[in-house]
Amino acid sequence: MIQRTITAVVAGVAFIAVLVWGGIALNLLTGVLAILVTSEFFRMKGLRLLSFEGVLIAAAGAALAMPGLSSLLHLDSSGPFLLFALFVMVLLAATVFAKGTYSFEDLAFPFFVAFYAGLGFQCLVLARNLSLFIVLLAVAMVWATDIFAYLVGRQFGRRKLIPEVSPSKTIEGSIGGILGAVVVALILLTVFHSQAPQLGYVRMIIYAVLFSAAGQMGDLVESAIKRRYGVKDSGNILPGHGGIFDRFDSMLFVLPLMHLLGLF
């Protein structure tokens, strides 16, 4: 617990500091995070990132995760997607010369990994570029969901949510996580009313419920992936917390949904 707490405080403060700073620092961070998540996926599947396929797909994920590259390379807003497509097309070309050792089906896994990580972290940058409040709201709701789900589930949890995927999660904990996210969202909307978008309290409650549920689904998806590959954590880069994917699984679901609903 001490190790987990120290890691959470140090990593949390550093992450929030980069979010506040924004700009090139945030773009570089999201690019690195996308590469690390890709590395963790490759590790879980027993593949090497330091390979022709691994390097290309890590570059594809990083390109998608860094929308700031567009201005540096004098591209329009579609630049990250075009760079992503370029790296994927190189891998597609490799299927021609691999003489049957690398097929279109083999490309599906790295493509999914790069797109999953890259798009989620790109949305983090896009949210920050529009509004610091929006990205901090997303972080706060995800953290509140995790904390309240754990506390309520530990105290009152009786009925399992989806035991074949995550045996420790309960329906009561899930509801507690949603309520926690709603409370935190309403507090932030009240305290930072001038910086917040004009959503209104009713709409904010609806959004908080949706985002909390999406965050929990992202966590369950990660649990299903880890169970598929027979691993406890996606990695070990964060002492006491596992890997980067373990910490950002919920955000990778919440941020694209926020973007879809027009919050940024």
C-alpha atoms as a PDB file:
ATOM      1  CA  MET A   1       0.000   0.000   0.000  1.00  0.00           C
ATOM      2  CA  ILE A   2       2.869   2.398   0.809  1.00  0.00           C
ATOM      3  CA  GLN A   3       4.470   1.660  -2.556  1.00  0.00           C
ATOM      4  CA  ARG A   4       1.149   2.138  -4.362  1.00  0.00           C
ATOM      5  CA  THR A   5       0.535   5.442  -2.558  1.00  0.00           C
ATOM      6  CA  ILE A   6       3.990   6.846  -3.323  1.00  0.00           C
ATOM      7  CA  THR A   7       3.716   5.870  -6.978  1.00  0.00           C
ATOM      8  CA  ALA A   8       0.201   7.324  -7.242  1.00  0.00           C
ATOM      9  CA  VAL A   9       1.215  10.653  -5.687  1.00  0.00           C
ATOM     10  CA  VAL A  10       4.427  11.102  -7.707  1.00  0.00           C
ATOM     11  CA  ALA A  11       2.955   9.938 -11.023  1.00  0.00           C
ATOM     12  CA  GLY A  12      -0.319  11.813 -10.434  1.00  0.00           C
ATOM     13  CA  VAL A  13       1.406  15.117  -9.653  1.00  0.00           C
ATOM     14  CA  ALA A  14       3.725  14.768 -12.667  1.00  0.00           C
ATOM     15  CA  PHE A  15       0.799  13.918 -14.960  1.00  0.00           C
ATOM     16  CA  ILE A  16      -1.321  16.837 -13.771  1.00  0.00           C
ATOM     17  CA  ALA A  17       1.668  19.182 -14.146  1.00  0.00           C
ATOM     18  CA  VAL A  18       2.101  18.174 -17.801  1.00  0.00           C
ATOM     19  CA  LEU A  19      -1.643  18.547 -18.382  1.00  0.00           C
ATOM     20  CA  VAL A  20      -1.549  22.083 -17.006  1.00  0.00           C
ATOM     21  CA  TRP A  21       1.533  22.905 -19.065  1.00  0.00           C
ATOM     22  CA  GLY A  22       0.094  21.411 -22.248  1.00  0.00           C
ATOM     23  CA  GLY A  23       1.699  22.162 -25.597  1.00  0.00           C
ATOM     24  CA  ILE A  24       4.666  20.178 -26.879  1.00  0.00           C
ATOM     25  CA  ALA A  25       5.260  18.587 -23.465  1.00  0.00           C
ATOM     26  CA  LEU A  26       1.814  16.972 -23.507  1.00  0.00           C
ATOM     27  CA  ASN A  27       2.249  15.857 -27.124  1.00  0.00           C
ATOM     28  CA  LEU A  28       5.558  14.206 -26.299  1.00  0.00           C
ATOM     29  CA  LEU A  29       4.035  12.546 -23.238  1.00  0.00           C
ATOM     30  CA  THR A  30       1.085  11.115 -25.161  1.00  0.00           C
ATOM     31  CA  GLY A  31       3.436   9.840 -27.876  1.00  0.00           C
ATOM     32  CA  VAL A  32       5.559   8.061 -25.269  1.00  0.00           C
ATOM     33  CA  LEU A  33       2.470   6.681 -23.529  1.00  0.00           C
ATOM     34  CA  ALA A  34       1.124   5.296 -26.812  1.00  0.00           C
ATOM     35  CA  ILE A  35       4.457   3.547 -27.434  1.00  0.00           C
ATOM     36  CA  LEU A  36       4.483   2.124 -23.906  1.00  0.00           C
ATOM     37  CA  VAL A  37       0.930   0.797 -24.218  1.00  0.00           C
ATOM     38  CA  THR A  38       1.864  -0.781 -27.561  1.00  0.00           C
ATOM     39  CA  SER A  39       4.902  -2.349 -25.908  1.00  0.00           C
ATOM     40  CA  GLU A  40       2.722  -3.776 -23.131  1.00  0.00           C
ATOM     41  CA  PHE A  41       0.309  -5.318 -25.629  1.00  0.00           C
ATOM     42  CA  PHE A  42       3.202  -6.903 -27.522  1.00  0.00           C
ATOM     43  CA  ARG A  43       4.621  -8.214 -24.260  1.00  0.00           C
ATOM     44  CA  MET A  44       1.291  -9.755 -23.236  1.00  0.00           C
ATOM     45  CA  LYS A  45       1.032 -11.515 -26.606  1.00  0.00           C
ATOM     46  CA  GLY A  46       4.643 -12.686 -26.476  1.00  0.00           C
ATOM     47  CA  LEU A  47       5.846 -10.493 -29.362  1.00  0.00           C
ATOM     48  CA  ARG A  48       8.939  -8.288 -29.537  1.00  0.00           C
ATOM     49  CA  LEU A  49       8.483  -4.545 -29.923  1.00  0.00           C
ATOM     50  CA  LEU A  50      12.046  -4.232 -31.223  1.00  0.00           C
ATOM     51  CA  SER A  51      11.163  -5.783 -34.555  1.00  0.00           C
ATOM     52  CA  PHE A  52      10.217  -4.469 -37.991  1.00  0.00           C
ATOM     53  CA  GLU A  53       6.526  -4.840 -37.172  1.00  0.00           C
ATOM     54  CA  GLY A  54       6.870  -3.524 -33.620  1.00  0.00           C
ATOM     55  CA  VAL A  55       8.814  -0.385 -34.483  1.00  0.00           C
ATOM     56  CA  LEU A  56       6.473   0.542 -37.334  1.00  0.00           C
ATOM     57  CA  ILE A  57       3.301   0.043 -35.340  1.00  0.00           C
ATOM     58  CA  ALA A  58       4.717   1.881 -32.311  1.00  0.00           C
ATOM     59  CA  ALA A  59       5.514   4.787 -34.617  1.00  0.00           C
ATOM     60  CA  ALA A  60       1.965   4.607 -36.016  1.00  0.00           C
ATOM     61  CA  GLY A  61       0.444   4.769 -32.536  1.00  0.00           C
ATOM     62  CA  ALA A  62       2.725   7.639 -31.499  1.00  0.00           C
ATOM     63  CA  ALA A  63       1.907   9.597 -34.669  1.00  0.00           C
ATOM     64  CA  LEU A  64      -1.809   9.228 -33.994  1.00  0.00           C
ATOM     65  CA  ALA A  65      -1.357  10.231 -30.351  1.00  0.00           C
ATOM     66  CA  MET A  66       0.468  13.485 -31.162  1.00  0.00           C
ATOM     67  CA  PRO A  67      -1.810  15.892 -33.066  1.00  0.00           C
ATOM     68  CA  GLY A  68       0.841  18.592 -32.553  1.00  0.00           C
ATOM     69  CA  LEU A  69       2.881  16.861 -35.259  1.00  0.00           C
ATOM     70  CA  SER A  70       0.538  18.328 -37.849  1.00  0.00           C
ATOM     71  CA  SER A  71       1.773  21.882 -37.347  1.00  0.00           C
ATOM     72  CA  LEU A  72       5.427  20.802 -37.134  1.00  0.00           C
ATOM     73  CA  LEU A  73       5.134  18.924 -40.439  1.00  0.00           C
ATOM     74  CA  HIS A  74       2.878  21.578 -42.017  1.00  0.00           C
ATOM     75  CA  LEU A  75      -0.052  19.182 -42.301  1.00  0.00           C
ATOM     76  CA  ASP A  76      -3.736  19.877 -41.698  1.00  0.00           C
ATOM     77  CA  SER A  77      -5.789  18.387 -38.873  1.00  0.00           C
ATOM     78  CA  SER A  78      -5.913  15.006 -40.619  1.00  0.00           C
ATOM     79  CA  GLY A  79      -2.123  14.725 -40.399  1.00  0.00           C
ATOM     80  CA  PRO A  80      -1.970  12.218 -37.506  1.00  0.00           C
ATOM     81  CA  PHE A  81      -4.415   9.878 -39.256  1.00  0.00           C
ATOM     82  CA  LEU A  82      -2.472  10.140 -42.534  1.00  0.00           C
ATOM     83  CA  LEU A  83       0.812   9.352 -40.783  1.00  0.00           C
ATOM     84  CA  PHE A  84      -0.860   6.441 -39.026  1.00  0.00           C
ATOM     85  CA  ALA A  85      -2.156   5.186 -42.377  1.00  0.00           C
ATOM     86  CA  LEU A  86       1.311   5.535 -43.935  1.00  0.00           C
ATOM     87  CA  PHE A  87       2.921   3.261 -41.340  1.00  0.00           C
ATOM     88  CA  VAL A  88       0.093   0.744 -41.676  1.00  0.00           C
ATOM     89  CA  MET A  89       0.454   0.742 -45.472  1.00  0.00           C
ATOM     90  CA  VAL A  90       4.156  -0.064 -45.090  1.00  0.00           C
ATOM     91  CA  LEU A  91       3.178  -3.063 -42.979  1.00  0.00           C
ATOM     92  CA  LEU A  92       0.593  -4.029 -45.593  1.00  0.00           C
ATOM     93  CA  ALA A  93       3.332  -3.881 -48.219  1.00  0.00           C
ATOM     94  CA  ALA A  94       5.393  -6.210 -46.044  1.00  0.00           C
ATOM     95  CA  THR A  95       2.762  -8.922 -46.545  1.00  0.00           C
ATOM     96  CA  VAL A  96       3.707  -8.939 -50.244  1.00  0.00           C
ATOM     97  CA  PHE A  97       7.400  -9.609 -49.641  1.00  0.00           C
ATOM     98  CA  ALA A  98       7.111 -11.807 -46.529  1.00  0.00           C
ATOM     99  CA  LYS A  99       6.558 -14.923 -48.673  1.00  0.00           C
ATOM    100  CA  GLY A 100       3.720 -16.209 -46.535  1.00  0.00           C
ATOM    101  CA  THR A 101       5.363 -15.635 -43.153  1.00  0.00           C
ATOM    102  CA  TYR A 102       3.390 -12.430 -42.479  1.00  0.00           C
ATOM    103  CA  SER A 103      -0.256 -12.158 -43.532  1.00  0.00           C
ATOM    104  CA  PHE A 104      -3.090  -9.663 -43.454  1.00  0.00           C
ATOM    105  CA  GLU A 105      -4.480 -11.456 -40.398  1.00  0.00           C
ATOM    106  CA  ASP A 106      -1.143 -11.020 -38.611  1.00  0.00           C
ATOM    107  CA  LEU A 107      -1.452  -7.270 -39.144  1.00  0.00           C
ATOM    108  CA  ALA A 108      -4.838  -7.072 -37.389  1.00  0.00           C
ATOM    109  CA  PHE A 109      -3.412  -7.253 -33.850  1.00  0.00           C
ATOM    110  CA  PRO A 110      -0.786  -4.473 -34.127  1.00  0.00           C
ATOM    111  CA  PHE A 111      -3.206  -2.294 -36.117  1.00  0.00           C
ATOM    112  CA  PHE A 112      -5.819  -2.572 -33.371  1.00  0.00           C
ATOM    113  CA  VAL A 113      -3.258  -1.854 -30.635  1.00  0.00           C
ATOM    114  CA  ALA A 114      -1.878   1.263 -32.326  1.00  0.00           C
ATOM    115  CA  PHE A 115      -5.322   2.639 -33.156  1.00  0.00           C
ATOM    116  CA  TYR A 116      -6.725   1.914 -29.679  1.00  0.00           C
ATOM    117  CA  ALA A 117      -3.864   3.625 -27.863  1.00  0.00           C
ATOM    118  CA  GLY A 118      -3.216   6.357 -30.419  1.00  0.00           C
ATOM    119  CA  LEU A 119      -6.811   7.560 -30.713  1.00  0.00           C
ATOM    120  CA  GLY A 120      -7.360   7.639 -26.955  1.00  0.00           C
ATOM    121  CA  PHE A 121      -4.238   9.680 -26.247  1.00  0.00           C
ATOM    122  CA  GLN A 122      -4.950  11.954 -29.224  1.00  0.00           C
ATOM    123  CA  CYS A 123      -8.288  12.804 -27.607  1.00  0.00           C
ATOM    124  CA  LEU A 124      -6.404  13.695 -24.420  1.00  0.00           C
ATOM    125  CA  VAL A 125      -4.383  16.307 -26.314  1.00  0.00           C
ATOM    126  CA  LEU A 126      -7.416  17.622 -28.209  1.00  0.00           C
ATOM    127  CA  ALA A 127      -9.350  18.018 -24.965  1.00  0.00           C
ATOM    128  CA  ARG A 128      -6.468  19.917 -23.351  1.00  0.00           C
ATOM    129  CA  ASN A 129      -6.056  22.160 -26.398  1.00  0.00           C
ATOM    130  CA  LEU A 130      -9.660  23.294 -26.051  1.00  0.00           C
ATOM    131  CA  SER A 131     -10.055  23.454 -22.287  1.00  0.00           C
ATOM    132  CA  LEU A 132      -8.003  22.534 -19.233  1.00  0.00           C
ATOM    133  CA  PHE A 133     -11.290  22.125 -17.360  1.00  0.00           C
ATOM    134  CA  ILE A 134     -12.553  19.419 -19.728  1.00  0.00           C
ATOM    135  CA  VAL A 135      -9.455  17.251 -19.445  1.00  0.00           C
ATOM    136  CA  LEU A 136      -9.277  17.670 -15.670  1.00  0.00           C
ATOM    137  CA  LEU A 137     -12.973  16.792 -15.502  1.00  0.00           C
ATOM    138  CA  ALA A 138     -12.267  13.565 -17.371  1.00  0.00           C
ATOM    139  CA  VAL A 139      -9.363  12.693 -15.072  1.00  0.00           C
ATOM    140  CA  ALA A 140     -11.371  13.550 -11.942  1.00  0.00           C
ATOM    141  CA  MET A 141     -14.366  11.440 -12.998  1.00  0.00           C
ATOM    142  CA  VAL A 142     -12.171   8.445 -13.823  1.00  0.00           C
ATOM    143  CA  TRP A 143     -10.306   8.684 -10.524  1.00  0.00           C
ATOM    144  CA  ALA A 144     -13.542   9.223  -8.584  1.00  0.00           C
ATOM    145  CA  THR A 145     -15.089   6.196 -10.266  1.00  0.00           C
ATOM    146  CA  ASP A 146     -12.122   4.006  -9.341  1.00  0.00           C
ATOM    147  CA  ILE A 147     -11.955   5.214  -5.733  1.00  0.00           C
ATOM    148  CA  PHE A 148     -15.665   5.096  -4.960  1.00  0.00           C
ATOM    149  CA  ALA A 149     -16.133   1.764  -6.753  1.00  0.00           C
ATOM    150  CA  TYR A 150     -13.374   0.282  -4.601  1.00  0.00           C
ATOM    151  CA  LEU A 151     -14.635   1.756  -1.333  1.00  0.00           C
ATOM    152  CA  VAL A 152     -18.314   0.974  -1.884  1.00  0.00           C
ATOM    153  CA  GLY A 153     -17.572  -2.452  -3.327  1.00  0.00           C
ATOM    154  CA  ARG A 154     -15.341  -3.381  -0.414  1.00  0.00           C
ATOM    155  CA  GLN A 155     -17.897  -2.240   2.154  1.00  0.00           C
ATOM    156  CA  PHE A 156     -21.205  -3.178   0.565  1.00  0.00           C
ATOM    157  CA  GLY A 157     -20.379  -5.368  -2.435  1.00  0.00           C
ATOM    158  CA  ARG A 158     -22.393  -8.581  -2.500  1.00  0.00           C
ATOM    159  CA  ARG A 159     -23.371  -9.284  -6.112  1.00  0.00           C
ATOM    160  CA  LYS A 160     -20.661  -9.887  -8.695  1.00  0.00           C
ATOM    161  CA  LEU A 161     -20.693  -7.666 -11.773  1.00  0.00           C
ATOM    162  CA  ILE A 162     -19.042  -9.923 -14.387  1.00  0.00           C
ATOM    163  CA  PRO A 163     -17.141 -12.554 -12.379  1.00  0.00           C
ATOM    164  CA  GLU A 164     -15.766 -14.404 -15.415  1.00  0.00           C
ATOM    165  CA  VAL A 165     -13.934 -11.230 -16.461  1.00  0.00           C
ATOM    166  CA  SER A 166     -13.180  -9.499 -13.146  1.00  0.00           C
ATOM    167  CA  PRO A 167     -14.073 -11.558 -10.042  1.00  0.00           C
ATOM    168  CA  SER A 168     -13.529  -8.697  -7.578  1.00  0.00           C
ATOM    169  CA  LYS A 169     -15.895  -6.160  -9.138  1.00  0.00           C
ATOM    170  CA  THR A 170     -19.447  -5.919  -7.799  1.00  0.00           C
ATOM    171  CA  ILE A 171     -22.678  -4.300  -8.930  1.00  0.00           C
ATOM    172  CA  GLU A 172     -22.743  -2.239  -5.735  1.00  0.00           C
ATOM    173  CA  GLY A 173     -19.208  -1.029  -6.391  1.00  0.00           C
ATOM    174  CA  SER A 174     -20.105  -0.101  -9.962  1.00  0.00           C
ATOM    175  CA  ILE A 175     -23.059   1.977  -8.776  1.00  0.00           C
ATOM    176  CA  GLY A 176     -20.877   3.582  -6.114  1.00  0.00           C
ATOM    177  CA  GLY A 177     -18.335   4.528  -8.780  1.00  0.00           C
ATOM    178  CA  ILE A 178     -21.030   6.181 -10.886  1.00  0.00           C
ATOM    179  CA  LEU A 179     -22.370   8.135  -7.908  1.00  0.00           C
ATOM    180  CA  GLY A 180     -18.839   9.221  -7.024  1.00  0.00           C
ATOM    181  CA  ALA A 181     -18.261  10.498 -10.547  1.00  0.00           C
ATOM    182  CA  VAL A 182     -21.553  12.416 -10.475  1.00  0.00           C
ATOM    183  CA  VAL A 183     -20.688  14.084  -7.155  1.00  0.00           C
ATOM    184  CA  VAL A 184     -17.198  15.088  -8.312  1.00  0.00           C
ATOM    185  CA  ALA A 185     -18.504  16.381 -11.649  1.00  0.00           C
ATOM    186  CA  LEU A 186     -21.141  18.537  -9.936  1.00  0.00           C
ATOM    187  CA  ILE A 187     -18.561  19.932  -7.496  1.00  0.00           C
ATOM    188  CA  LEU A 188     -16.218  20.864 -10.342  1.00  0.00           C
ATOM    189  CA  LEU A 189     -19.076  22.412 -12.322  1.00  0.00           C
ATOM    190  CA  THR A 190     -20.042  24.528  -9.310  1.00  0.00           C
ATOM    191  CA  VAL A 191     -16.556  25.591  -8.214  1.00  0.00           C
ATOM    192  CA  PHE A 192     -15.213  26.291 -11.723  1.00  0.00           C
ATOM    193  CA  HIS A 193     -18.452  27.517 -13.247  1.00  0.00           C
ATOM    194  CA  SER A 194     -16.813  30.254 -15.326  1.00  0.00           C
ATOM    195  CA  GLN A 195     -14.321  27.820 -16.921  1.00  0.00           C
ATOM    196  CA  ALA A 196     -16.841  25.023 -17.466  1.00  0.00           C
ATOM    197  CA  PRO A 197     -18.902  24.673 -20.640  1.00  0.00           C
ATOM    198  CA  GLN A 198     -22.535  25.725 -20.289  1.00  0.00           C
ATOM    199  CA  LEU A 199     -23.930  22.250 -19.743  1.00  0.00           C
ATOM    200  CA  GLY A 200     -26.270  22.731 -16.813  1.00  0.00           C
ATOM    201  CA  TYR A 201     -26.546  20.398 -13.846  1.00  0.00           C
ATOM    202  CA  VAL A 202     -28.985  17.909 -15.353  1.00  0.00           C
ATOM    203  CA  ARG A 203     -26.902  17.430 -18.471  1.00  0.00           C
ATOM    204  CA  MET A 204     -23.735  17.151 -16.403  1.00  0.00           C
ATOM    205  CA  ILE A 205     -25.319  14.389 -14.306  1.00  0.00           C
ATOM    206  CA  ILE A 206     -26.274  12.466 -17.450  1.00  0.00           C
ATOM    207  CA  TYR A 207     -22.774  12.889 -18.891  1.00  0.00           C
ATOM    208  CA  ALA A 208     -21.128  11.855 -15.621  1.00  0.00           C
ATOM    209  CA  VAL A 209     -23.176   8.646 -15.547  1.00  0.00           C
ATOM    210  CA  LEU A 210     -22.230   7.870 -19.166  1.00  0.00           C
ATOM    211  CA  PHE A 211     -18.539   8.663 -18.687  1.00  0.00           C
ATOM    212  CA  SER A 212     -18.292   6.701 -15.461  1.00  0.00           C
ATOM    213  CA  ALA A 213     -19.944   3.707 -17.120  1.00  0.00           C
ATOM    214  CA  ALA A 214     -17.613   4.063 -20.115  1.00  0.00           C
ATOM    215  CA  GLY A 215     -14.603   4.204 -17.805  1.00  0.00           C
ATOM    216  CA  GLN A 216     -15.714   1.043 -16.055  1.00  0.00           C
ATOM    217  CA  MET A 217     -16.202  -0.653 -19.414  1.00  0.00           C
ATOM    218  CA  GLY A 218     -12.675   0.338 -20.406  1.00  0.00           C
ATOM    219  CA  ASP A 219     -11.415  -1.258 -17.212  1.00  0.00           C
ATOM    220  CA  LEU A 220     -13.401  -4.431 -17.893  1.00  0.00           C
ATOM    221  CA  VAL A 221     -12.075  -4.566 -21.454  1.00  0.00           C
ATOM    222  CA  GLU A 222      -8.546  -4.461 -20.095  1.00  0.00           C
ATOM    223  CA  SER A 223      -9.404  -7.214 -17.608  1.00  0.00           C
ATOM    224  CA  ALA A 224     -10.734  -9.354 -20.462  1.00  0.00           C
ATOM    225  CA  ILE A 225      -7.562  -8.748 -22.486  1.00  0.00           C
ATOM    226  CA  LYS A 226      -5.294  -9.661 -19.566  1.00  0.00           C
ATOM    227  CA  ARG A 227      -7.352 -12.772 -18.841  1.00  0.00           C
ATOM    228  CA  ARG A 228      -7.059 -13.743 -22.511  1.00  0.00           C
ATOM    229  CA  TYR A 229      -3.265 -13.565 -22.316  1.00  0.00           C
ATOM    230  CA  GLY A 230      -2.996 -14.952 -18.784  1.00  0.00           C
ATOM    231  CA  VAL A 231      -1.274 -11.970 -17.141  1.00  0.00           C
ATOM    232  CA  LYS A 232      -2.014 -10.112 -13.913  1.00  0.00           C
ATOM    233  CA  ASP A 233      -0.790  -6.674 -15.033  1.00  0.00           C
ATOM    234  CA  SER A 234      -0.121  -5.215 -18.465  1.00  0.00           C
ATOM    235  CA  GLY A 235       3.373  -4.220 -17.320  1.00  0.00           C
ATOM    236  CA  ASN A 236       5.483  -3.252 -14.331  1.00  0.00           C
ATOM    237  CA  ILE A 237       6.661   0.265 -15.106  1.00  0.00           C
ATOM    238  CA  LEU A 238       4.600   1.737 -12.239  1.00  0.00           C
ATOM    239  CA  PRO A 239       5.549   0.069  -8.928  1.00  0.00           C
ATOM    240  CA  GLY A 240       2.443  -1.216  -7.187  1.00  0.00           C
ATOM    241  CA  HIS A 241       0.182  -0.209 -10.093  1.00  0.00           C
ATOM    242  CA  GLY A 242       1.315  -2.360 -13.006  1.00  0.00           C
ATOM    243  CA  GLY A 243       1.666  -0.895 -16.469  1.00  0.00           C
ATOM    244  CA  ILE A 244       0.597   2.221 -18.344  1.00  0.00           C
ATOM    245  CA  PHE A 245      -2.400   0.415 -19.841  1.00  0.00           C
ATOM    246  CA  ASP A 246      -3.483  -0.533 -16.306  1.00  0.00           C
ATOM    247  CA  ARG A 247      -3.670   3.174 -15.428  1.00  0.00           C
ATOM    248  CA  PHE A 248      -5.161   4.546 -18.651  1.00  0.00           C
ATOM    249  CA  ASP A 249      -7.616   1.807 -19.638  1.00  0.00           C
ATOM    250  CA  SER A 250     -10.598   3.893 -18.495  1.00  0.00           C
ATOM    251  CA  MET A 251      -9.355   7.146 -20.062  1.00  0.00           C
ATOM    252  CA  LEU A 252      -8.961   5.432 -23.440  1.00  0.00           C
ATOM    253  CA  PHE A 253     -12.729   4.856 -23.407  1.00  0.00           C
ATOM    254  CA  VAL A 254     -13.909   8.063 -21.719  1.00  0.00           C
ATOM    255  CA  LEU A 255     -12.073  10.654 -23.818  1.00  0.00           C
ATOM    256  CA  PRO A 256     -13.277   9.453 -27.256  1.00  0.00           C
ATOM    257  CA  LEU A 257     -16.839   9.359 -25.892  1.00  0.00           C
ATOM    258  CA  MET A 258     -16.488  12.928 -24.593  1.00  0.00           C
ATOM    259  CA  HIS A 259     -15.241  13.953 -28.037  1.00  0.00           C
ATOM    260  CA  LEU A 260     -18.147  12.170 -29.738  1.00  0.00           C
ATOM    261  CA  LEU A 261     -20.632  14.027 -27.515  1.00  0.00           C
ATOM    262  CA  GLY A 262     -19.093  17.366 -28.425  1.00  0.00           C
ATOM    263  CA  LEU A 263     -17.381  18.371 -25.186  1.00  0.00           C
ATOM    264  CA  PHE A 264     -14.244  19.161 -27.166  1.00  0.00           C
END
